[in-house]
Protein backbone atom coordinates (compact mmCIF):
# COMPACT_ATOMS: atom_id res chain seq x y z
CA MET A 1 35.86 -10.67 25.80
CA GLY A 2 33.32 -12.22 22.77
CA GLY A 3 29.77 -12.79 22.52
CA LYS A 4 29.75 -16.37 24.28
CA LEU A 5 30.93 -14.37 26.78
CA VAL A 6 28.04 -11.68 27.16
CA ARG A 7 25.58 -14.24 26.19
CA LEU A 8 27.10 -16.58 28.90
CA THR A 9 26.28 -14.10 31.06
CA ARG A 10 22.44 -13.80 30.51
CA ILE A 11 21.54 -16.46 31.20
CA THR A 12 23.45 -17.55 33.89
CA ARG A 13 24.40 -15.66 37.67
CA GLU A 14 27.29 -14.77 39.57
CA GLY A 15 27.96 -18.10 37.41
CA ARG A 16 25.58 -20.20 38.24
CA MET A 17 22.35 -20.96 36.62
CA LEU A 18 18.77 -21.50 37.55
CA CYS A 19 17.08 -22.82 33.56
CA ILE A 20 13.52 -24.05 34.01
CA PRO A 21 13.56 -26.82 30.65
CA MET A 22 10.02 -25.87 28.89
CA ASP A 23 10.28 -27.63 25.24
CA HIS A 24 8.54 -30.65 26.31
CA GLY A 25 5.56 -28.86 24.19
CA VAL A 26 6.20 -30.61 21.14
CA THR A 27 7.60 -33.62 22.73
CA ASN A 28 4.02 -34.43 25.08
CA GLY A 29 1.93 -31.90 24.26
CA PRO A 30 0.62 -29.42 25.99
CA ILE A 31 0.82 -30.49 29.89
CA SER A 32 0.04 -28.91 32.86
CA GLY A 33 2.13 -26.09 33.56
CA LEU A 34 2.83 -25.66 29.95
CA GLU A 35 -0.88 -24.39 28.86
CA ASN A 36 0.37 -20.61 29.08
CA PRO A 37 3.85 -20.49 28.29
CA GLN A 38 4.26 -16.25 29.01
CA HIS A 39 2.34 -17.01 32.26
CA THR A 40 4.97 -19.76 33.26
CA ILE A 41 7.54 -17.33 31.89
CA SER A 42 7.06 -14.21 34.38
CA ALA A 43 6.35 -16.96 37.70
CA ILE A 44 9.81 -18.08 37.13
CA ALA A 45 10.59 -14.58 36.10
CA ARG A 46 9.61 -13.62 39.10
CA GLY A 47 11.20 -15.97 41.24
CA GLY A 48 15.03 -15.43 40.12
CA ALA A 49 15.72 -17.96 37.29
CA SER A 50 18.18 -16.99 35.05
CA ALA A 51 17.14 -18.39 32.53
CA PHE A 52 13.83 -20.47 30.52
CA LEU A 53 14.76 -22.94 27.67
CA VAL A 54 11.85 -23.41 24.70
CA HIS A 55 12.13 -24.05 20.84
CA LYS A 56 11.65 -21.44 19.08
CA GLY A 57 8.28 -21.15 18.21
CA ILE A 58 7.00 -20.24 21.79
CA LEU A 59 9.58 -17.88 21.69
CA LYS A 60 7.94 -15.95 18.52
CA ALA A 61 4.21 -15.79 19.75
CA LEU A 62 5.77 -14.54 23.14
CA THR A 63 3.97 -11.27 24.13
CA GLN A 64 6.52 -9.92 26.37
CA VAL A 65 10.07 -9.70 26.52
CA PRO A 66 11.64 -12.18 28.99
CA SER A 67 13.17 -10.62 31.88
CA ILE A 68 15.92 -13.56 31.75
CA GLY A 69 18.21 -15.75 29.68
CA ALA A 70 16.25 -17.27 26.65
CA ILE A 71 17.54 -20.29 25.40
CA VAL A 72 16.19 -21.77 21.63
CA HIS A 73 15.90 -25.76 21.66
CA LEU A 74 17.02 -27.06 18.17
CA ASN A 75 15.80 -30.71 18.39
CA ALA A 76 12.67 -32.06 18.84
CA SER A 77 10.89 -35.96 18.48
CA THR A 78 7.33 -36.88 19.90
CA VAL A 79 5.70 -39.95 22.42
CA LEU A 80 4.05 -40.44 19.38
CA GLY A 81 6.06 -40.50 16.47
CA PRO A 82 7.86 -44.14 15.51
CA SER A 83 10.95 -43.17 18.06
CA LYS A 84 11.00 -41.05 21.13
CA ASP A 85 14.70 -40.93 21.69
CA GLY A 86 15.93 -40.10 18.06
CA LYS A 87 15.67 -36.13 18.35
CA VAL A 88 15.71 -34.17 15.04
CA LEU A 89 16.82 -31.41 13.99
CA VAL A 90 14.13 -28.55 13.54
CA THR A 91 16.63 -25.05 13.68
CA ALA A 92 19.46 -23.65 13.60
CA VAL A 93 22.05 -21.24 15.45
CA ALA A 94 20.78 -18.68 12.57
CA GLU A 95 17.44 -18.30 13.68
CA ALA A 96 17.83 -18.55 17.19
CA VAL A 97 20.20 -15.61 16.78
CA ARG A 98 17.52 -14.10 14.52
CA LEU A 99 14.36 -14.30 17.96
CA GLY A 100 16.91 -12.50 19.99
CA ALA A 101 18.43 -15.73 22.01
CA ASP A 102 21.29 -15.74 24.02
CA ALA A 103 21.39 -18.98 23.27
CA VAL A 104 20.94 -21.97 22.33
CA SER A 105 20.49 -26.14 23.00
CA ILE A 106 20.49 -29.89 22.19
CA HIS A 107 19.74 -32.42 23.25
CA ILE A 108 21.48 -35.98 22.28
CA ASN A 109 20.25 -39.74 23.83
CA VAL A 110 23.43 -41.12 24.48
CA GLY A 111 23.22 -45.14 24.00
CA SER A 112 19.95 -44.87 22.04
CA ASP A 113 19.72 -46.57 17.91
CA GLU A 114 19.62 -42.91 16.82
CA GLU A 115 22.85 -41.71 18.78
CA PRO A 116 25.37 -42.28 15.44
CA VAL A 117 23.29 -39.19 13.94
CA MET A 118 22.61 -37.14 16.90
CA LEU A 119 25.98 -36.73 17.64
CA ARG A 120 26.90 -35.32 14.23
CA ASP A 121 24.44 -32.37 15.00
CA LEU A 122 25.86 -31.94 17.67
CA GLY A 123 29.05 -31.36 15.78
CA ALA A 124 28.09 -29.54 13.61
CA VAL A 125 25.46 -27.09 16.43
CA ALA A 126 29.08 -26.46 17.96
CA ASP A 127 30.84 -25.84 14.66
CA GLU A 128 27.60 -23.17 13.83
CA CYS A 129 28.33 -21.75 17.90
CA GLU A 130 31.09 -20.32 17.41
CA GLU A 131 31.23 -19.49 14.09
CA TRP A 132 27.91 -16.96 15.73
CA GLY A 133 29.42 -16.79 19.24
CA VAL A 134 26.83 -18.16 21.15
CA PRO A 135 26.93 -20.60 23.46
CA LEU A 136 26.22 -24.33 23.87
CA LEU A 137 23.93 -26.32 26.21
CA ALA A 138 24.50 -29.11 26.57
CA MET A 139 21.91 -31.89 27.27
CA MET A 140 23.95 -35.62 27.83
CA TYR A 141 21.27 -38.57 28.35
CA PRO A 142 22.58 -41.75 28.94
CA ARG A 143 19.35 -43.72 27.29
CA GLY A 144 19.18 -47.10 25.01
CA PRO A 145 18.27 -50.38 25.48
CA ARG A 146 22.22 -51.58 26.35
CA ILE A 147 23.44 -48.65 29.16
CA LYS A 148 22.88 -48.69 33.18
CA GLU A 149 20.77 -44.79 32.89
CA ALA A 150 22.35 -43.61 36.43
CA ASP A 151 25.57 -45.77 36.72
CA ALA A 152 28.59 -43.06 37.57
CA VAL A 153 30.69 -44.40 35.15
CA THR A 154 28.33 -44.16 31.87
CA VAL A 155 26.99 -40.43 33.37
CA SER A 156 31.05 -39.87 33.71
CA HIS A 157 31.27 -40.21 29.64
CA VAL A 158 27.94 -39.57 28.20
CA ALA A 159 28.96 -35.69 29.95
CA ARG A 160 32.19 -36.04 28.39
CA VAL A 161 30.90 -36.29 25.07
CA GLY A 162 29.42 -33.46 25.05
CA ALA A 163 32.30 -31.99 25.86
CA GLU A 164 34.61 -33.26 23.66
CA LEU A 165 32.55 -32.34 20.79
CA GLY A 166 31.91 -28.99 22.10
CA ALA A 167 29.82 -28.65 24.27
CA ASP A 168 29.97 -25.20 26.41
CA VAL A 169 27.83 -25.95 29.00
CA VAL A 170 26.82 -29.78 29.68
CA LYS A 171 23.22 -31.26 31.52
CA THR A 172 22.86 -34.72 32.38
CA VAL A 173 21.93 -36.27 35.20
CA MET A 174 21.81 -36.86 38.60
CA THR A 175 24.39 -40.91 39.26
CA ALA A 176 22.26 -43.84 40.98
CA LYS A 177 24.10 -42.62 44.31
CA PRO A 178 25.05 -38.79 44.29
CA GLU A 179 28.22 -38.96 45.95
CA ASP A 180 29.01 -39.61 42.73
CA PHE A 181 28.76 -36.63 40.70
CA ALA A 182 31.92 -34.86 42.02
CA ALA A 183 33.71 -37.16 39.78
CA VAL A 184 31.67 -36.18 36.57
CA VAL A 185 32.66 -32.58 36.97
CA GLU A 186 35.78 -33.56 37.60
CA SER A 187 36.11 -35.30 34.77
CA CYS A 188 34.04 -32.40 32.50
CA PRO A 189 36.81 -29.88 31.53
CA VAL A 190 33.07 -27.47 31.06
CA PRO A 191 30.10 -26.63 33.65
CA VAL A 192 28.09 -29.58 34.42
CA VAL A 193 24.31 -28.64 35.23
CA VAL A 194 21.74 -31.23 36.87
CA ALA A 195 18.45 -31.83 34.60
CA GLY A 196 16.00 -32.46 37.08
CA GLY A 197 13.56 -35.12 35.91
CA ALA A 198 10.64 -36.82 36.47
CA PRO A 199 8.35 -35.02 38.97
CA ALA A 200 9.57 -35.70 42.36
CA GLY A 201 5.94 -34.45 44.17
CA ASN A 202 8.07 -33.82 47.47
CA ASP A 203 9.44 -30.25 47.44
CA LEU A 204 11.70 -31.56 49.97
CA ALA A 205 13.23 -33.52 47.14
CA VAL A 206 13.09 -31.22 44.63
CA LEU A 207 15.53 -28.99 47.14
CA ARG A 208 17.85 -31.86 47.37
CA LEU A 209 18.87 -32.54 44.66
CA ALA A 210 20.06 -29.42 43.97
CA GLU A 211 21.76 -29.05 46.20
CA THR A 212 23.50 -32.60 46.37
CA ALA A 213 24.34 -31.57 43.10
CA MET A 214 25.94 -27.68 44.01
CA LYS A 215 27.96 -28.90 46.50
CA ALA A 216 29.25 -31.70 44.02
CA GLY A 217 30.83 -28.67 41.91
CA ALA A 218 27.93 -28.99 39.64
CA MET A 219 26.69 -24.64 37.53
CA GLY A 220 23.84 -25.41 38.25
CA ILE A 221 20.21 -27.28 37.54
CA THR A 222 17.52 -27.02 34.81
CA PHE A 223 14.37 -28.28 37.19
CA GLY A 224 11.25 -28.38 34.12
CA ARG A 225 9.01 -30.26 35.29
CA ASN A 226 8.97 -30.16 39.04
CA VAL A 227 8.80 -25.83 38.55
CA PHE A 228 6.60 -25.56 35.44
CA GLY A 229 4.47 -28.03 36.80
CA HIS A 230 4.30 -27.22 40.44
CA ALA A 231 1.22 -25.86 42.20
CA GLN A 232 3.62 -22.63 42.25
CA PRO A 233 6.02 -22.07 40.40
CA GLU A 234 7.33 -18.56 41.88
CA LYS A 235 7.45 -20.31 44.81
CA ILE A 236 9.05 -23.17 43.88
CA THR A 237 11.41 -21.36 41.99
CA ARG A 238 12.39 -19.07 45.23
CA ALA A 239 13.43 -21.87 46.80
CA LEU A 240 15.42 -22.98 44.44
CA SER A 241 17.09 -20.04 44.01
CA GLN A 242 17.96 -19.89 47.35
CA VAL A 243 19.51 -23.47 47.01
CA VAL A 244 21.51 -22.39 44.11
CA PHE A 245 22.43 -18.40 44.20
CA LYS A 246 22.91 -18.88 48.24
CA GLY A 247 23.22 -21.50 49.55
CA LEU A 248 21.01 -22.19 51.84
CA SER A 249 20.13 -26.03 53.03
CA PRO A 250 16.74 -26.80 51.01
CA GLU A 251 15.18 -27.02 55.51
CA THR A 252 15.61 -23.32 55.19
CA ALA A 253 14.72 -22.80 51.73
CA ALA A 254 11.48 -24.69 52.18
CA LYS A 255 9.75 -22.25 54.27
CA GLU A 256 9.81 -20.19 50.63
CA LEU A 257 6.78 -22.30 50.24
CA ASP A 258 5.13 -21.94 52.95
């Protein structure tokens, strides 16, 4: 028993994760669904999410103690700046611990021109997490002018980088051919969760992506815009929880949205 294991149980349920990232406010501003973070966090908690992910200022501003796991995101960039793919550290593991976070996350764009700085930060943050006993979720994205972003070999490489440099959980994108994602999971020494990507505009497509991820051996999903930007975030979260935690089909889970 150690601090990481204790905290991992707070952001998962029975070894599976349904996390709703809500760190988009720094990158894109107060987009739809993020105008009132407290309201959205309460909705996804009622829907059955195991964790949410925000920047430090949002966690500080909450007026109620969250009933689900809290993950603090450590680096950021904005669409207004010179490079939205160049993430820089904006807080530290120690501050996340002071705020009561159960885990931390960091975003790495492998293949971008700023990759070296982000890899250095990933390694340093992983060391801090070992010192504090805090789980590290590494968002490993294949992004840059020289790579194919959904190529199976590339996604496997990107996920492996996160594990090699000390992440406890790796978040990455679904492969272009969903049947290839199982190989990504198998070649990554730590659990993998799948990103939700851009708004799908189709509930069944969102649920099917979750099913594909789980059948490929993923630990869970981290769907942001397709949940907090949904007209009914509580209901889409409940439907996703049926797929992730109970193994129901997307068609059956979609009944939660009726």
